[in-house]
Amino acid sequence: MAFFIGDDCIACGLCESECPEEAISEGDGIYVIDADLCSDCGNCADVCPVEAPAPAEE
């Protein structure tokens, strides 16, 4: 199960540098996670100041 970044994202970029799979990139106003690359480690959620990353629901 991959993580996704919700609309609460403030585009600070902290999550991108913490992703060991390089699955996070800057999107249109918020960051996005490539579900095919995400290893579900949770590093992005650990560093996010607004708790925007969350596990995707199946």
PDB file of N, CA and C in Angstrom:
ATOM      1  N   MET A   1       0.844  -1.174   0.000  1.00  0.00           N
ATOM      2  CA  MET A   1       0.000   0.000   0.000  1.00  0.00           C
ATOM      3  C   MET A   1       0.891   1.239   0.000  1.00  0.00           C
ATOM      4  N   ALA A   2       0.664   2.141  -0.908  1.00  0.00           N
ATOM      5  CA  ALA A   2       1.463   3.354  -1.024  1.00  0.00           C
ATOM      6  C   ALA A   2       0.861   4.486  -0.206  1.00  0.00           C
ATOM      7  N   PHE A   3       1.657   5.506   0.039  1.00  0.00           N
ATOM      8  CA  PHE A   3       1.176   6.722   0.663  1.00  0.00           C
ATOM      9  C   PHE A   3       0.698   7.678  -0.422  1.00  0.00           C
ATOM     10  N   PHE A   4      -0.121   8.647  -0.050  1.00  0.00           N
ATOM     11  CA  PHE A   4      -0.507   9.730  -0.942  1.00  0.00           C
ATOM     12  C   PHE A   4      -0.394  11.022  -0.153  1.00  0.00           C
ATOM     13  N   ILE A   5      -0.303  12.140  -0.849  1.00  0.00           N
ATOM     14  CA  ILE A   5      -0.209  13.445  -0.195  1.00  0.00           C
ATOM     15  C   ILE A   5      -1.520  14.177  -0.417  1.00  0.00           C
ATOM     16  N   GLY A   6      -2.141  14.567   0.683  1.00  0.00           N
ATOM     17  CA  GLY A   6      -3.439  15.232   0.631  1.00  0.00           C
ATOM     18  C   GLY A   6      -3.346  16.714   0.331  1.00  0.00           C
ATOM     19  N   ASP A   7      -4.512  17.329   0.238  1.00  0.00           N
ATOM     20  CA  ASP A   7      -4.610  18.747  -0.108  1.00  0.00           C
ATOM     21  C   ASP A   7      -4.051  19.677   0.950  1.00  0.00           C
ATOM     22  N   ASP A   8      -3.755  19.155   2.145  1.00  0.00           N
ATOM     23  CA  ASP A   8      -3.178  19.987   3.199  1.00  0.00           C
ATOM     24  C   ASP A   8      -1.717  20.343   2.933  1.00  0.00           C
ATOM     25  N   CYS A   9      -1.121  19.738   1.914  1.00  0.00           N
ATOM     26  CA  CYS A   9       0.288  19.966   1.580  1.00  0.00           C
ATOM     27  C   CYS A   9       0.565  21.455   1.386  1.00  0.00           C
ATOM     28  N   ILE A  10       1.641  21.932   2.029  1.00  0.00           N
ATOM     29  CA  ILE A  10       2.046  23.330   1.899  1.00  0.00           C
ATOM     30  C   ILE A  10       3.272  23.478   0.989  1.00  0.00           C
ATOM     31  N   ALA A  11       3.623  22.417   0.292  1.00  0.00           N
ATOM     32  CA  ALA A  11       4.724  22.415  -0.686  1.00  0.00           C
ATOM     33  C   ALA A  11       6.052  22.861  -0.080  1.00  0.00           C
ATOM     34  N   CYS A  12       6.335  22.418   1.138  1.00  0.00           N
ATOM     35  CA  CYS A  12       7.592  22.789   1.783  1.00  0.00           C
ATOM     36  C   CYS A  12       8.770  21.970   1.261  1.00  0.00           C
ATOM     37  N   GLY A  13       8.490  20.763   0.738  1.00  0.00           N
ATOM     38  CA  GLY A  13       9.538  19.937   0.158  1.00  0.00           C
ATOM     39  C   GLY A  13      10.287  19.038   1.118  1.00  0.00           C
ATOM     40  N   LEU A  14       9.963  19.063   2.400  1.00  0.00           N
ATOM     41  CA  LEU A  14      10.677  18.225   3.364  1.00  0.00           C
ATOM     42  C   LEU A  14      10.545  16.745   3.034  1.00  0.00           C
ATOM     43  N   CYS A  15       9.385  16.335   2.576  1.00  0.00           N
ATOM     44  CA  CYS A  15       9.131  14.923   2.302  1.00  0.00           C
ATOM     45  C   CYS A  15       9.987  14.387   1.146  1.00  0.00           C
ATOM     46  N   GLU A  16      10.196  15.212   0.141  1.00  0.00           N
ATOM     47  CA  GLU A  16      10.921  14.763  -1.046  1.00  0.00           C
ATOM     48  C   GLU A  16      12.315  14.258  -0.705  1.00  0.00           C
ATOM     49  N   SER A  17      13.023  14.983   0.131  1.00  0.00           N
ATOM     50  CA  SER A  17      14.401  14.590   0.470  1.00  0.00           C
ATOM     51  C   SER A  17      14.455  13.383   1.403  1.00  0.00           C
ATOM     52  N   GLU A  18      13.367  13.069   2.080  1.00  0.00           N
ATOM     53  CA  GLU A  18      13.331  11.941   3.013  1.00  0.00           C
ATOM     54  C   GLU A  18      12.932  10.623   2.360  1.00  0.00           C
ATOM     55  N   CYS A  19      12.472  10.654   1.128  1.00  0.00           N
ATOM     56  CA  CYS A  19      11.986   9.448   0.458  1.00  0.00           C
ATOM     57  C   CYS A  19      13.147   8.623  -0.096  1.00  0.00           C
ATOM     58  N   PRO A  20      13.361   7.410   0.432  1.00  0.00           N
ATOM     59  CA  PRO A  20      14.480   6.586  -0.037  1.00  0.00           C
ATOM     60  C   PRO A  20      14.261   6.024  -1.443  1.00  0.00           C
ATOM     61  N   GLU A  21      13.036   6.029  -1.912  1.00  0.00           N
ATOM     62  CA  GLU A  21      12.715   5.490  -3.241  1.00  0.00           C
ATOM     63  C   GLU A  21      12.621   6.570  -4.313  1.00  0.00           C
ATOM     64  N   GLU A  22      12.809   7.837  -3.922  1.00  0.00           N
ATOM     65  CA  GLU A  22      12.661   8.974  -4.832  1.00  0.00           C
ATOM     66  C   GLU A  22      11.307   8.950  -5.525  1.00  0.00           C
ATOM     67  N   ALA A  23      10.263   8.619  -4.748  1.00  0.00           N
ATOM     68  CA  ALA A  23       8.901   8.509  -5.276  1.00  0.00           C
ATOM     69  C   ALA A  23       8.129   9.821  -5.194  1.00  0.00           C
ATOM     70  N   ILE A  24       8.696  10.833  -4.553  1.00  0.00           N
ATOM     71  CA  ILE A  24       7.994  12.098  -4.337  1.00  0.00           C
ATOM     72  C   ILE A  24       8.572  13.172  -5.241  1.00  0.00           C
ATOM     73  N   SER A  25       7.664  13.913  -5.881  1.00  0.00           N
ATOM     74  CA  SER A  25       8.085  15.011  -6.743  1.00  0.00           C
ATOM     75  C   SER A  25       7.113  16.174  -6.596  1.00  0.00           C
ATOM     76  N   GLU A  26       7.576  17.337  -7.027  1.00  0.00           N
ATOM     77  CA  GLU A  26       6.738  18.522  -6.939  1.00  0.00           C
ATOM     78  C   GLU A  26       5.682  18.482  -8.034  1.00  0.00           C
ATOM     79  N   GLY A  27       4.440  18.624  -7.629  1.00  0.00           N
ATOM     80  CA  GLY A  27       3.332  18.642  -8.575  1.00  0.00           C
ATOM     81  C   GLY A  27       2.835  20.058  -8.788  1.00  0.00           C
ATOM     82  N   ASP A  28       1.579  20.186  -9.114  1.00  0.00           N
ATOM     83  CA  ASP A  28       0.974  21.478  -9.366  1.00  0.00           C
ATOM     84  C   ASP A  28       0.470  22.080  -8.052  1.00  0.00           C
ATOM     85  N   GLY A  29       1.361  22.745  -7.335  1.00  0.00           N
ATOM     86  CA  GLY A  29       1.011  23.382  -6.079  1.00  0.00           C
ATOM     87  C   GLY A  29       1.215  22.511  -4.847  1.00  0.00           C
ATOM     88  N   ILE A  30       1.266  21.204  -5.002  1.00  0.00           N
ATOM     89  CA  ILE A  30       1.542  20.287  -3.900  1.00  0.00           C
ATOM     90  C   ILE A  30       2.494  19.206  -4.396  1.00  0.00           C
ATOM     91  N   TYR A  31       3.056  18.460  -3.468  1.00  0.00           N
ATOM     92  CA  TYR A  31       3.919  17.343  -3.839  1.00  0.00           C
ATOM     93  C   TYR A  31       3.067  16.107  -4.088  1.00  0.00           C
ATOM     94  N   VAL A  32       3.574  15.204  -4.914  1.00  0.00           N
ATOM     95  CA  VAL A  32       2.848  13.981  -5.255  1.00  0.00           C
ATOM     96  C   VAL A  32       3.759  12.777  -5.070  1.00  0.00           C
ATOM     97  N   ILE A  33       3.144  11.622  -4.803  1.00  0.00           N
ATOM     98  CA  ILE A  33       3.879  10.378  -4.612  1.00  0.00           C
ATOM     99  C   ILE A  33       3.523   9.414  -5.728  1.00  0.00           C
ATOM    100  N   ASP A  34       4.533   8.864  -6.375  1.00  0.00           N
ATOM    101  CA  ASP A  34       4.341   7.837  -7.394  1.00  0.00           C
ATOM    102  C   ASP A  34       4.091   6.517  -6.669  1.00  0.00           C
ATOM    103  N   ALA A  35       2.864   6.034  -6.721  1.00  0.00           N
ATOM    104  CA  ALA A  35       2.473   4.823  -5.989  1.00  0.00           C
ATOM    105  C   ALA A  35       3.271   3.601  -6.419  1.00  0.00           C
ATOM    106  N   ASP A  36       3.730   3.575  -7.650  1.00  0.00           N
ATOM    107  CA  ASP A  36       4.510   2.437  -8.136  1.00  0.00           C
ATOM    108  C   ASP A  36       5.897   2.386  -7.510  1.00  0.00           C
ATOM    109  N   LEU A  37       6.405   3.516  -7.060  1.00  0.00           N
ATOM    110  CA  LEU A  37       7.736   3.572  -6.454  1.00  0.00           C
ATOM    111  C   LEU A  37       7.696   3.560  -4.928  1.00  0.00           C
ATOM    112  N   CYS A  38       6.587   3.981  -4.350  1.00  0.00           N
ATOM    113  CA  CYS A  38       6.464   4.104  -2.895  1.00  0.00           C
ATOM    114  C   CYS A  38       6.595   2.740  -2.219  1.00  0.00           C
ATOM    115  N   SER A  39       7.463   2.677  -1.187  1.00  0.00           N
ATOM    116  CA  SER A  39       7.673   1.432  -0.448  1.00  0.00           C
ATOM    117  C   SER A  39       6.910   1.417   0.885  1.00  0.00           C
ATOM    118  N   ASP A  40       6.093   2.446   1.119  1.00  0.00           N
ATOM    119  CA  ASP A  40       5.248   2.510   2.316  1.00  0.00           C
ATOM    120  C   ASP A  40       6.076   2.624   3.598  1.00  0.00           C
ATOM    121  N   CYS A  41       7.213   3.302   3.535  1.00  0.00           N
ATOM    122  CA  CYS A  41       8.084   3.403   4.711  1.00  0.00           C
ATOM    123  C   CYS A  41       7.571   4.415   5.731  1.00  0.00           C
ATOM    124  N   GLY A  42       6.861   5.444   5.279  1.00  0.00           N
ATOM    125  CA  GLY A  42       6.327   6.451   6.177  1.00  0.00           C
ATOM    126  C   GLY A  42       7.258   7.596   6.505  1.00  0.00           C
ATOM    127  N   ASN A  43       8.444   7.634   5.898  1.00  0.00           N
ATOM    128  CA  ASN A  43       9.383   8.722   6.171  1.00  0.00           C
ATOM    129  C   ASN A  43       8.768  10.079   5.857  1.00  0.00           C
ATOM    130  N   CYS A  44       7.985  10.149   4.790  1.00  0.00           N
ATOM    131  CA  CYS A  44       7.366  11.408   4.391  1.00  0.00           C
ATOM    132  C   CYS A  44       6.410  11.906   5.469  1.00  0.00           C
ATOM    133  N   ALA A  45       5.628  11.000   6.018  1.00  0.00           N
ATOM    134  CA  ALA A  45       4.672  11.368   7.066  1.00  0.00           C
ATOM    135  C   ALA A  45       5.390  11.798   8.339  1.00  0.00           C
ATOM    136  N   ASP A  46       6.537  11.201   8.622  1.00  0.00           N
ATOM    137  CA  ASP A  46       7.289  11.522   9.832  1.00  0.00           C
ATOM    138  C   ASP A  46       7.816  12.950   9.832  1.00  0.00           C
ATOM    139  N   VAL A  47       8.155  13.501   8.666  1.00  0.00           N
ATOM    140  CA  VAL A  47       8.752  14.838   8.613  1.00  0.00           C
ATOM    141  C   VAL A  47       7.765  15.934   8.229  1.00  0.00           C
ATOM    142  N   CYS A  48       6.582  15.590   7.798  1.00  0.00           N
ATOM    143  CA  CYS A  48       5.624  16.586   7.322  1.00  0.00           C
ATOM    144  C   CYS A  48       5.062  17.420   8.472  1.00  0.00           C
ATOM    145  N   PRO A  49       5.179  18.758   8.388  1.00  0.00           N
ATOM    146  CA  PRO A  49       4.679  19.611   9.467  1.00  0.00           C
ATOM    147  C   PRO A  49       3.158  19.728   9.504  1.00  0.00           C
ATOM    148  N   VAL A  50       2.470  19.348   8.427  1.00  0.00           N
ATOM    149  CA  VAL A  50       1.004  19.470   8.389  1.00  0.00           C
ATOM    150  C   VAL A  50       0.309  18.117   8.237  1.00  0.00           C
ATOM    151  N   GLU A  51       1.069  17.041   8.359  1.00  0.00           N
ATOM    152  CA  GLU A  51       0.524  15.682   8.276  1.00  0.00           C
ATOM    153  C   GLU A  51      -0.236  15.418   6.973  1.00  0.00           C
ATOM    154  N   ALA A  52       0.299  15.912   5.854  1.00  0.00           N
ATOM    155  CA  ALA A  52      -0.355  15.727   4.552  1.00  0.00           C
ATOM    156  C   ALA A  52      -0.212  14.303   4.010  1.00  0.00           C
ATOM    157  N   PRO A  53       0.942  13.635   4.139  1.00  0.00           N
ATOM    158  CA  PRO A  53       1.037  12.258   3.645  1.00  0.00           C
ATOM    159  C   PRO A  53       0.257  11.289   4.534  1.00  0.00           C
ATOM    160  N   ALA A  54      -0.428  10.362   3.898  1.00  0.00           N
ATOM    161  CA  ALA A  54      -1.187   9.352   4.633  1.00  0.00           C
ATOM    162  C   ALA A  54      -1.221   8.074   3.810  1.00  0.00           C
ATOM    163  N   PRO A  55      -1.389   6.939   4.469  1.00  0.00           N
ATOM    164  CA  PRO A  55      -1.506   5.676   3.717  1.00  0.00           C
ATOM    165  C   PRO A  55      -2.735   5.707   2.810  1.00  0.00           C
ATOM    166  N   ALA A  56      -2.562   5.242   1.598  1.00  0.00           N
ATOM    167  CA  ALA A  56      -3.690   5.157   0.668  1.00  0.00           C
ATOM    168  C   ALA A  56      -4.644   4.058   1.124  1.00  0.00           C
ATOM    169  N   GLU A  57      -5.919   4.287   0.948  1.00  0.00           N
ATOM    170  CA  GLU A  57      -6.903   3.288   1.294  1.00  0.00           C
ATOM    171  C   GLU A  57      -7.035   2.312   0.150  1.00  0.00           C
ATOM    172  N   GLU A  58      -7.190   1.045   0.489  1.00  0.00           N
ATOM    173  CA  GLU A  58      -7.330   0.025  -0.557  1.00  0.00           C
ATOM    174  C   GLU A  58      -8.747  -0.048  -1.040  1.00  0.00           C
TER     175      GLU A  58
END
